[in-house]
Amino acid sequence: MAVFNILTCEAVDPDVSEFVVVFRSGMLARGDTFVCYMTHHPVTFAITELVPLGSSVRLLCSGRVGYKDEFSRAVVNTQAKGVPEGFHFEHPRMPA
């Protein structure tokens, strides 16, 4: 179980995607899955490799990102299901 922010994502091969994430809690391992949503359509990604990058982690996953940074700024909670509990976008706050 984990909660993490997606910083960047892109397809690196037809069926392989790369995510750079920051974990808020928990951790994932090779073979774990997580779900992102295109509108309300779930897309499941299975982790094949994790590479630490200082404060972030690069995840190589089976599954296809439709376009570069499609899920950037999203928060994923692998314990929760559906939108918005398991997946939602965080937008920068506007100054008051």
PDB file of N, CA and C in Angstrom:
ATOM      1  N   MET A   1       0.840  -1.180   0.000  1.00  0.00           N
ATOM      2  CA  MET A   1       0.000   0.000   0.000  1.00  0.00           C
ATOM      3  C   MET A   1       0.882   1.239   0.000  1.00  0.00           C
ATOM      4  N   ALA A   2       0.469   2.208  -0.793  1.00  0.00           N
ATOM      5  CA  ALA A   2       1.254   3.434  -0.881  1.00  0.00           C
ATOM      6  C   ALA A   2       0.386   4.583  -1.375  1.00  0.00           C
ATOM      7  N   VAL A   3       0.819   5.780  -1.016  1.00  0.00           N
ATOM      8  CA  VAL A   3       0.246   7.010  -1.571  1.00  0.00           C
ATOM      9  C   VAL A   3       1.423   7.763  -2.170  1.00  0.00           C
ATOM     10  N   PHE A   4       1.281   8.170  -3.442  1.00  0.00           N
ATOM     11  CA  PHE A   4       2.381   8.865  -4.083  1.00  0.00           C
ATOM     12  C   PHE A   4       1.884   9.895  -5.088  1.00  0.00           C
ATOM     13  N   ASN A   5       2.750  10.877  -5.347  1.00  0.00           N
ATOM     14  CA  ASN A   5       2.515  11.914  -6.353  1.00  0.00           C
ATOM     15  C   ASN A   5       3.271  11.524  -7.617  1.00  0.00           C
ATOM     16  N   ILE A   6       2.629  11.672  -8.758  1.00  0.00           N
ATOM     17  CA  ILE A   6       3.302  11.457 -10.035  1.00  0.00           C
ATOM     18  C   ILE A   6       3.861  12.809 -10.489  1.00  0.00           C
ATOM     19  N   LEU A   7       5.184  12.869 -10.637  1.00  0.00           N
ATOM     20  CA  LEU A   7       5.829  14.099 -11.099  1.00  0.00           C
ATOM     21  C   LEU A   7       5.841  14.152 -12.625  1.00  0.00           C
ATOM     22  N   THR A   8       6.268  13.067 -13.252  1.00  0.00           N
ATOM     23  CA  THR A   8       6.296  12.973 -14.710  1.00  0.00           C
ATOM     24  C   THR A   8       5.962  11.553 -15.134  1.00  0.00           C
ATOM     25  N   CYS A   9       5.541  11.410 -16.383  1.00  0.00           N
ATOM     26  CA  CYS A   9       5.308  10.080 -16.943  1.00  0.00           C
ATOM     27  C   CYS A   9       5.402  10.160 -18.458  1.00  0.00           C
ATOM     28  N   GLU A  10       5.819   9.056 -19.061  1.00  0.00           N
ATOM     29  CA  GLU A  10       5.877   8.987 -20.516  1.00  0.00           C
ATOM     30  C   GLU A  10       6.027   7.536 -20.948  1.00  0.00           C
ATOM     31  N   ALA A  11       5.623   7.258 -22.182  1.00  0.00           N
ATOM     32  CA  ALA A  11       5.814   5.940 -22.772  1.00  0.00           C
ATOM     33  C   ALA A  11       7.261   5.849 -23.241  1.00  0.00           C
ATOM     34  N   VAL A  12       7.922   4.727 -22.937  1.00  0.00           N
ATOM     35  CA  VAL A  12       9.299   4.530 -23.397  1.00  0.00           C
ATOM     36  C   VAL A  12       9.382   3.435 -24.452  1.00  0.00           C
ATOM     37  N   ASP A  13       8.400   2.598 -24.528  1.00  0.00           N
ATOM     38  CA  ASP A  13       8.236   1.545 -25.530  1.00  0.00           C
ATOM     39  C   ASP A  13       6.738   1.382 -25.731  1.00  0.00           C
ATOM     40  N   PRO A  14       6.305   0.623 -26.726  1.00  0.00           N
ATOM     41  CA  PRO A  14       4.858   0.483 -26.948  1.00  0.00           C
ATOM     42  C   PRO A  14       4.056   0.041 -25.719  1.00  0.00           C
ATOM     43  N   ASP A  15       4.615  -0.829 -24.894  1.00  0.00           N
ATOM     44  CA  ASP A  15       3.882  -1.310 -23.722  1.00  0.00           C
ATOM     45  C   ASP A  15       4.622  -1.075 -22.418  1.00  0.00           C
ATOM     46  N   VAL A  16       5.530  -0.109 -22.400  1.00  0.00           N
ATOM     47  CA  VAL A  16       6.292   0.215 -21.192  1.00  0.00           C
ATOM     48  C   VAL A  16       6.213   1.716 -20.951  1.00  0.00           C
ATOM     49  N   SER A  17       5.904   2.076 -19.715  1.00  0.00           N
ATOM     50  CA  SER A  17       5.836   3.484 -19.330  1.00  0.00           C
ATOM     51  C   SER A  17       6.764   3.744 -18.164  1.00  0.00           C
ATOM     52  N   GLU A  18       7.233   4.982 -18.094  1.00  0.00           N
ATOM     53  CA  GLU A  18       8.116   5.401 -17.015  1.00  0.00           C
ATOM     54  C   GLU A  18       7.424   6.503 -16.221  1.00  0.00           C
ATOM     55  N   PHE A  19       7.431   6.351 -14.912  1.00  0.00           N
ATOM     56  CA  PHE A  19       6.882   7.348 -13.993  1.00  0.00           C
ATOM     57  C   PHE A  19       7.999   7.795 -13.061  1.00  0.00           C
ATOM     58  N   VAL A  20       8.045   9.072 -12.750  1.00  0.00           N
ATOM     59  CA  VAL A  20       8.889   9.571 -11.665  1.00  0.00           C
ATOM     60  C   VAL A  20       7.914  10.033 -10.597  1.00  0.00           C
ATOM     61  N   VAL A  21       8.058   9.449  -9.402  1.00  0.00           N
ATOM     62  CA  VAL A  21       7.086   9.679  -8.334  1.00  0.00           C
ATOM     63  C   VAL A  21       7.788  10.054  -7.036  1.00  0.00           C
ATOM     64  N   VAL A  22       7.003  10.658  -6.138  1.00  0.00           N
ATOM     65  CA  VAL A  22       7.438  10.920  -4.764  1.00  0.00           C
ATOM     66  C   VAL A  22       6.417  10.249  -3.853  1.00  0.00           C
ATOM     67  N   PHE A  23       6.903   9.401  -2.966  1.00  0.00           N
ATOM     68  CA  PHE A  23       6.009   8.704  -2.044  1.00  0.00           C
ATOM     69  C   PHE A  23       5.656   9.581  -0.858  1.00  0.00           C
ATOM     70  N   ARG A  24       4.368   9.650  -0.555  1.00  0.00           N
ATOM     71  CA  ARG A  24       3.884  10.345   0.645  1.00  0.00           C
ATOM     72  C   ARG A  24       3.849   9.393   1.827  1.00  0.00           C
ATOM     73  N   SER A  25       3.488   8.142   1.529  1.00  0.00           N
ATOM     74  CA  SER A  25       3.474   7.102   2.566  1.00  0.00           C
ATOM     75  C   SER A  25       3.592   5.754   1.894  1.00  0.00           C
ATOM     76  N   GLY A  26       4.094   4.777   2.654  1.00  0.00           N
ATOM     77  CA  GLY A  26       4.234   3.430   2.135  1.00  0.00           C
ATOM     78  C   GLY A  26       5.294   3.337   1.052  1.00  0.00           C
ATOM     79  N   MET A  27       5.316   2.198   0.390  1.00  0.00           N
ATOM     80  CA  MET A  27       6.266   1.943  -0.684  1.00  0.00           C
ATOM     81  C   MET A  27       5.682   0.841  -1.553  1.00  0.00           C
ATOM     82  N   LEU A  28       6.131   0.768  -2.777  1.00  0.00           N
ATOM     83  CA  LEU A  28       5.711  -0.284  -3.695  1.00  0.00           C
ATOM     84  C   LEU A  28       6.916  -1.146  -4.032  1.00  0.00           C
ATOM     85  N   ALA A  29       6.658  -2.307  -4.635  1.00  0.00           N
ATOM     86  CA  ALA A  29       7.712  -3.235  -5.009  1.00  0.00           C
ATOM     87  C   ALA A  29       7.447  -3.762  -6.412  1.00  0.00           C
ATOM     88  N   ARG A  30       8.437  -4.380  -6.959  1.00  0.00           N
ATOM     89  CA  ARG A  30       8.300  -5.007  -8.269  1.00  0.00           C
ATOM     90  C   ARG A  30       7.118  -5.976  -8.247  1.00  0.00           C
ATOM     91  N   GLY A  31       6.258  -5.900  -9.262  1.00  0.00           N
ATOM     92  CA  GLY A  31       5.081  -6.752  -9.338  1.00  0.00           C
ATOM     93  C   GLY A  31       3.815  -6.096  -8.810  1.00  0.00           C
ATOM     94  N   ASP A  32       3.953  -5.039  -7.992  1.00  0.00           N
ATOM     95  CA  ASP A  32       2.777  -4.312  -7.507  1.00  0.00           C
ATOM     96  C   ASP A  32       2.116  -3.566  -8.663  1.00  0.00           C
ATOM     97  N   THR A  33       0.841  -3.284  -8.496  1.00  0.00           N
ATOM     98  CA  THR A  33       0.103  -2.549  -9.522  1.00  0.00           C
ATOM     99  C   THR A  33      -0.518  -1.287  -8.927  1.00  0.00           C
ATOM    100  N   PHE A  34      -0.815  -0.349  -9.816  1.00  0.00           N
ATOM    101  CA  PHE A  34      -1.571   0.834  -9.435  1.00  0.00           C
ATOM    102  C   PHE A  34      -2.422   1.237 -10.622  1.00  0.00           C
ATOM    103  N   VAL A  35      -3.445   2.052 -10.353  1.00  0.00           N
ATOM    104  CA  VAL A  35      -4.402   2.430 -11.392  1.00  0.00           C
ATOM    105  C   VAL A  35      -4.427   3.939 -11.546  1.00  0.00           C
ATOM    106  N   CYS A  36      -4.382   4.386 -12.800  1.00  0.00           N
ATOM    107  CA  CYS A  36      -4.592   5.778 -13.151  1.00  0.00           C
ATOM    108  C   CYS A  36      -5.867   5.837 -13.982  1.00  0.00           C
ATOM    109  N   TYR A  37      -6.469   7.003 -14.070  1.00  0.00           N
ATOM    110  CA  TYR A  37      -7.737   7.137 -14.796  1.00  0.00           C
ATOM    111  C   TYR A  37      -7.634   8.171 -15.901  1.00  0.00           C
ATOM    112  N   MET A  38      -8.020   7.772 -17.111  1.00  0.00           N
ATOM    113  CA  MET A  38      -8.200   8.685 -18.234  1.00  0.00           C
ATOM    114  C   MET A  38      -9.685   8.973 -18.254  1.00  0.00           C
ATOM    115  N   THR A  39     -10.065  10.161 -17.870  1.00  0.00           N
ATOM    116  CA  THR A  39     -11.456  10.532 -17.608  1.00  0.00           C
ATOM    117  C   THR A  39     -11.935   9.578 -16.516  1.00  0.00           C
ATOM    118  N   HIS A  40     -12.802   8.620 -16.817  1.00  0.00           N
ATOM    119  CA  HIS A  40     -13.210   7.645 -15.802  1.00  0.00           C
ATOM    120  C   HIS A  40     -12.820   6.237 -16.205  1.00  0.00           C
ATOM    121  N   HIS A  41     -11.899   6.106 -17.163  1.00  0.00           N
ATOM    122  CA  HIS A  41     -11.469   4.795 -17.644  1.00  0.00           C
ATOM    123  C   HIS A  41     -10.179   4.392 -16.946  1.00  0.00           C
ATOM    124  N   PRO A  42     -10.208   3.280 -16.199  1.00  0.00           N
ATOM    125  CA  PRO A  42      -9.009   2.870 -15.470  1.00  0.00           C
ATOM    126  C   PRO A  42      -7.937   2.303 -16.394  1.00  0.00           C
ATOM    127  N   VAL A  43      -6.690   2.643 -16.078  1.00  0.00           N
ATOM    128  CA  VAL A  43      -5.525   2.092 -16.766  1.00  0.00           C
ATOM    129  C   VAL A  43      -4.629   1.506 -15.678  1.00  0.00           C
ATOM    130  N   THR A  44      -4.381   0.201 -15.740  1.00  0.00           N
ATOM    131  CA  THR A  44      -3.577  -0.466 -14.716  1.00  0.00           C
ATOM    132  C   THR A  44      -2.129  -0.572 -15.175  1.00  0.00           C
ATOM    133  N   PHE A  45      -1.223  -0.248 -14.268  1.00  0.00           N
ATOM    134  CA  PHE A  45       0.213  -0.337 -14.515  1.00  0.00           C
ATOM    135  C   PHE A  45       0.810  -1.325 -13.522  1.00  0.00           C
ATOM    136  N   ALA A  46       1.690  -2.211 -14.007  1.00  0.00           N
ATOM    137  CA  ALA A  46       2.390  -3.178 -13.154  1.00  0.00           C
ATOM    138  C   ALA A  46       3.867  -2.802 -13.125  1.00  0.00           C
ATOM    139  N   ILE A  47       4.414  -2.669 -11.947  1.00  0.00           N
ATOM    140  CA  ILE A  47       5.799  -2.221 -11.778  1.00  0.00           C
ATOM    141  C   ILE A  47       6.764  -3.354 -12.121  1.00  0.00           C
ATOM    142  N   THR A  48       7.714  -3.047 -13.022  1.00  0.00           N
ATOM    143  CA  THR A  48       8.746  -4.018 -13.390  1.00  0.00           C
ATOM    144  C   THR A  48      10.107  -3.659 -12.817  1.00  0.00           C
ATOM    145  N   GLU A  49      10.300  -2.364 -12.489  1.00  0.00           N
ATOM    146  CA  GLU A  49      11.577  -1.917 -11.935  1.00  0.00           C
ATOM    147  C   GLU A  49      11.381  -0.623 -11.163  1.00  0.00           C
ATOM    148  N   LEU A  50      12.075  -0.503 -10.036  1.00  0.00           N
ATOM    149  CA  LEU A  50      12.090   0.729  -9.237  1.00  0.00           C
ATOM    150  C   LEU A  50      13.532   1.200  -9.131  1.00  0.00           C
ATOM    151  N   VAL A  51      13.775   2.491  -9.396  1.00  0.00           N
ATOM    152  CA  VAL A  51      15.122   3.057  -9.333  1.00  0.00           C
ATOM    153  C   VAL A  51      15.078   4.311  -8.467  1.00  0.00           C
ATOM    154  N   PRO A  52      15.743   4.298  -7.297  1.00  0.00           N
ATOM    155  CA  PRO A  52      15.780   5.502  -6.469  1.00  0.00           C
ATOM    156  C   PRO A  52      16.505   6.639  -7.181  1.00  0.00           C
ATOM    157  N   LEU A  53      15.964   7.852  -7.052  1.00  0.00           N
ATOM    158  CA  LEU A  53      16.559   9.051  -7.658  1.00  0.00           C
ATOM    159  C   LEU A  53      16.658  10.155  -6.605  1.00  0.00           C
ATOM    160  N   GLY A  54      17.265   9.877  -5.500  1.00  0.00           N
ATOM    161  CA  GLY A  54      17.316  10.852  -4.407  1.00  0.00           C
ATOM    162  C   GLY A  54      15.987  10.876  -3.681  1.00  0.00           C
ATOM    163  N   SER A  55      15.254  11.989  -3.751  1.00  0.00           N
ATOM    164  CA  SER A  55      13.969  12.087  -3.051  1.00  0.00           C
ATOM    165  C   SER A  55      12.808  11.516  -3.867  1.00  0.00           C
ATOM    166  N   SER A  56      13.043  11.149  -5.106  1.00  0.00           N
ATOM    167  CA  SER A  56      11.993  10.560  -5.947  1.00  0.00           C
ATOM    168  C   SER A  56      12.396   9.142  -6.369  1.00  0.00           C
ATOM    169  N   VAL A  57      11.483   8.460  -7.045  1.00  0.00           N
ATOM    170  CA  VAL A  57      11.723   7.093  -7.510  1.00  0.00           C
ATOM    171  C   VAL A  57      11.222   6.984  -8.944  1.00  0.00           C
ATOM    172  N   ARG A  58      12.020   6.353  -9.794  1.00  0.00           N
ATOM    173  CA  ARG A  58      11.595   6.078 -11.171  1.00  0.00           C
ATOM    174  C   ARG A  58      10.975   4.693 -11.201  1.00  0.00           C
ATOM    175  N   LEU A  59       9.746   4.609 -11.696  1.00  0.00           N
ATOM    176  CA  LEU A  59       9.050   3.328 -11.838  1.00  0.00           C
ATOM    177  C   LEU A  59       8.956   3.000 -13.318  1.00  0.00           C
ATOM    178  N   LEU A  60       9.470   1.851 -13.717  1.00  0.00           N
ATOM    179  CA  LEU A  60       9.224   1.332 -15.056  1.00  0.00           C
ATOM    180  C   LEU A  60       8.075   0.350 -14.919  1.00  0.00           C
ATOM    181  N   CYS A  61       7.084   0.486 -15.784  1.00  0.00           N
ATOM    182  CA  CYS A  61       5.854  -0.280 -15.627  1.00  0.00           C
ATOM    183  C   CYS A  61       5.378  -0.841 -16.966  1.00  0.00           C
ATOM    184  N   SER A  62       4.740  -1.999 -16.908  1.00  0.00           N
ATOM    185  CA  SER A  62       4.011  -2.456 -18.081  1.00  0.00           C
ATOM    186  C   SER A  62       2.715  -1.662 -18.114  1.00  0.00           C
ATOM    187  N   GLY A  63       2.256  -1.340 -19.303  1.00  0.00           N
ATOM    188  CA  GLY A  63       1.092  -0.484 -19.462  1.00  0.00           C
ATOM    189  C   GLY A  63       1.493   0.759 -20.224  1.00  0.00           C
ATOM    190  N   ARG A  64       0.534   1.385 -20.872  1.00  0.00           N
ATOM    191  CA  ARG A  64       0.872   2.488 -21.767  1.00  0.00           C
ATOM    192  C   ARG A  64       0.266   3.808 -21.324  1.00  0.00           C
ATOM    193  N   VAL A  65       1.137   4.804 -21.208  1.00  0.00           N
ATOM    194  CA  VAL A  65       0.723   6.185 -21.024  1.00  0.00           C
ATOM    195  C   VAL A  65       0.363   6.712 -22.407  1.00  0.00           C
ATOM    196  N   GLY A  66      -0.777   7.380 -22.533  1.00  0.00           N
ATOM    197  CA  GLY A  66      -1.228   7.870 -23.831  1.00  0.00           C
ATOM    198  C   GLY A  66      -0.371   8.977 -24.405  1.00  0.00           C
ATOM    199  N   TYR A  67       0.102   9.897 -23.545  1.00  0.00           N
ATOM    200  CA  TYR A  67       0.946  11.003 -23.997  1.00  0.00           C
ATOM    201  C   TYR A  67       1.799  11.477 -22.826  1.00  0.00           C
ATOM    202  N   LYS A  68       2.895  12.147 -23.136  1.00  0.00           N
ATOM    203  CA  LYS A  68       3.848  12.600 -22.115  1.00  0.00           C
ATOM    204  C   LYS A  68       3.142  13.437 -21.059  1.00  0.00           C
ATOM    205  N   ASP A  69       3.400  13.090 -19.810  1.00  0.00           N
ATOM    206  CA  ASP A  69       2.879  13.785 -18.632  1.00  0.00           C
ATOM    207  C   ASP A  69       1.358  13.733 -18.506  1.00  0.00           C
ATOM    208  N   GLU A  70       0.746  12.737 -19.098  1.00  0.00           N
ATOM    209  CA  GLU A  70      -0.709  12.561 -19.016  1.00  0.00           C
ATOM    210  C   GLU A  70      -1.203  12.531 -17.564  1.00  0.00           C
ATOM    211  N   PHE A  71      -0.442  11.888 -16.683  1.00  0.00           N
ATOM    212  CA  PHE A  71      -0.869  11.746 -15.295  1.00  0.00           C
ATOM    213  C   PHE A  71      -0.039  12.594 -14.330  1.00  0.00           C
ATOM    214  N   SER A  72       0.761  13.520 -14.848  1.00  0.00           N
ATOM    215  CA  SER A  72       1.562  14.385 -13.976  1.00  0.00           C
ATOM    216  C   SER A  72       0.645  15.208 -13.083  1.00  0.00           C
ATOM    217  N   ARG A  73       1.072  15.409 -11.848  1.00  0.00           N
ATOM    218  CA  ARG A  73       0.339  16.115 -10.792  1.00  0.00           C
ATOM    219  C   ARG A  73      -0.782  15.264 -10.191  1.00  0.00           C
ATOM    220  N   ALA A  74      -0.825  13.982 -10.539  1.00  0.00           N
ATOM    221  CA  ALA A  74      -1.844  13.114  -9.943  1.00  0.00           C
ATOM    222  C   ALA A  74      -1.335  12.536  -8.629  1.00  0.00           C
ATOM    223  N   VAL A  75      -2.282  12.211  -7.760  1.00  0.00           N
ATOM    224  CA  VAL A  75      -2.000  11.519  -6.504  1.00  0.00           C
ATOM    225  C   VAL A  75      -2.675  10.163  -6.596  1.00  0.00           C
ATOM    226  N   VAL A  76      -1.900   9.104  -6.319  1.00  0.00           N
ATOM    227  CA  VAL A  76      -2.417   7.736  -6.374  1.00  0.00           C
ATOM    228  C   VAL A  76      -2.383   7.149  -4.972  1.00  0.00           C
ATOM    229  N   ASN A  77      -3.496   6.546  -4.562  1.00  0.00           N
ATOM    230  CA  ASN A  77      -3.594   5.828  -3.297  1.00  0.00           C
ATOM    231  C   ASN A  77      -3.928   4.386  -3.663  1.00  0.00           C
ATOM    232  N   THR A  78      -2.975   3.477  -3.498  1.00  0.00           N
ATOM    233  CA  THR A  78      -3.165   2.100  -3.952  1.00  0.00           C
ATOM    234  C   THR A  78      -4.140   1.308  -3.077  1.00  0.00           C
ATOM    235  N   GLN A  79      -4.457   1.813  -1.902  1.00  0.00           N
ATOM    236  CA  GLN A  79      -5.405   1.118  -1.031  1.00  0.00           C
ATOM    237  C   GLN A  79      -6.841   1.487  -1.382  1.00  0.00           C
ATOM    238  N   ALA A  80      -7.067   2.696  -1.834  1.00  0.00           N
ATOM    239  CA  ALA A  80      -8.416   3.171  -2.160  1.00  0.00           C
ATOM    240  C   ALA A  80      -8.787   2.762  -3.581  1.00  0.00           C
ATOM    241  N   LYS A  81     -10.061   2.761  -3.870  1.00  0.00           N
ATOM    242  CA  LYS A  81     -10.564   2.401  -5.196  1.00  0.00           C
ATOM    243  C   LYS A  81     -11.266   3.583  -5.833  1.00  0.00           C
ATOM    244  N   GLY A  82     -11.075   3.737  -7.135  1.00  0.00           N
ATOM    245  CA  GLY A  82     -11.830   4.715  -7.898  1.00  0.00           C
ATOM    246  C   GLY A  82     -11.373   6.146  -7.719  1.00  0.00           C
ATOM    247  N   VAL A  83     -12.147   7.018  -8.346  1.00  0.00           N
ATOM    248  CA  VAL A  83     -11.902   8.455  -8.334  1.00  0.00           C
ATOM    249  C   VAL A  83     -12.875   9.082  -7.348  1.00  0.00           C
ATOM    250  N   PRO A  84     -12.543   9.967  -6.496  1.00  0.00           N
ATOM    251  CA  PRO A  84     -11.258  10.621  -6.305  1.00  0.00           C
ATOM    252  C   PRO A  84     -10.399   9.982  -5.218  1.00  0.00           C
ATOM    253  N   GLU A  85     -10.915   8.978  -4.509  1.00  0.00           N
ATOM    254  CA  GLU A  85     -10.168   8.405  -3.385  1.00  0.00           C
ATOM    255  C   GLU A  85      -8.864   7.747  -3.820  1.00  0.00           C
ATOM    256  N   GLY A  86      -8.893   6.975  -4.898  1.00  0.00           N
ATOM    257  CA  GLY A  86      -7.712   6.249  -5.340  1.00  0.00           C
ATOM    258  C   GLY A  86      -6.868   6.998  -6.353  1.00  0.00           C
ATOM    259  N   PHE A  87      -7.444   8.032  -6.982  1.00  0.00           N
ATOM    260  CA  PHE A  87      -6.718   8.779  -8.006  1.00  0.00           C
ATOM    261  C   PHE A  87      -7.363  10.144  -8.174  1.00  0.00           C
ATOM    262  N   HIS A  88      -6.563  11.187  -8.067  1.00  0.00           N
ATOM    263  CA  HIS A  88      -7.047  12.533  -8.347  1.00  0.00           C
ATOM    264  C   HIS A  88      -5.867  13.439  -8.683  1.00  0.00           C
ATOM    265  N   PHE A  89      -6.163  14.544  -9.337  1.00  0.00           N
ATOM    266  CA  PHE A  89      -5.138  15.519  -9.673  1.00  0.00           C
ATOM    267  C   PHE A  89      -5.108  16.606  -8.604  1.00  0.00           C
ATOM    268  N   GLU A  90      -3.904  17.051  -8.270  1.00  0.00           N
ATOM    269  CA  GLU A  90      -3.741  18.193  -7.380  1.00  0.00           C
ATOM    270  C   GLU A  90      -3.290  19.369  -8.237  1.00  0.00           C
ATOM    271  N   HIS A  91      -3.977  20.453  -8.103  1.00  0.00           N
ATOM    272  CA  HIS A  91      -3.656  21.646  -8.870  1.00  0.00           C
ATOM    273  C   HIS A  91      -3.014  22.672  -7.950  1.00  0.00           C
ATOM    274  N   PRO A  92      -2.073  23.445  -8.477  1.00  0.00           N
ATOM    275  CA  PRO A  92      -1.444  24.466  -7.649  1.00  0.00           C
ATOM    276  C   PRO A  92      -2.467  25.471  -7.128  1.00  0.00           C
ATOM    277  N   ARG A  93      -2.255  25.909  -5.899  1.00  0.00           N
ATOM    278  CA  ARG A  93      -3.158  26.897  -5.312  1.00  0.00           C
ATOM    279  C   ARG A  93      -2.876  28.270  -5.911  1.00  0.00           C
ATOM    280  N   MET A  94      -3.940  28.989  -6.140  1.00  0.00           N
ATOM    281  CA  MET A  94      -3.823  30.358  -6.648  1.00  0.00           C
ATOM    282  C   MET A  94      -3.606  31.276  -5.454  1.00  0.00           C
ATOM    283  N   PRO A  95      -2.794  32.326  -5.611  1.00  0.00           N
ATOM    284  CA  PRO A  95      -2.602  33.266  -4.502  1.00  0.00           C
ATOM    285  C   PRO A  95      -3.906  33.977  -4.163  1.00  0.00           C
ATOM    286  N   ALA A  96      -4.105  34.261  -2.886  1.00  0.00           N
ATOM    287  CA  ALA A  96      -5.338  34.929  -2.435  1.00  0.00           C
ATOM    288  C   ALA A  96      -5.339  36.398  -2.742  1.00  0.00           C
TER     289      ALA A  96
END
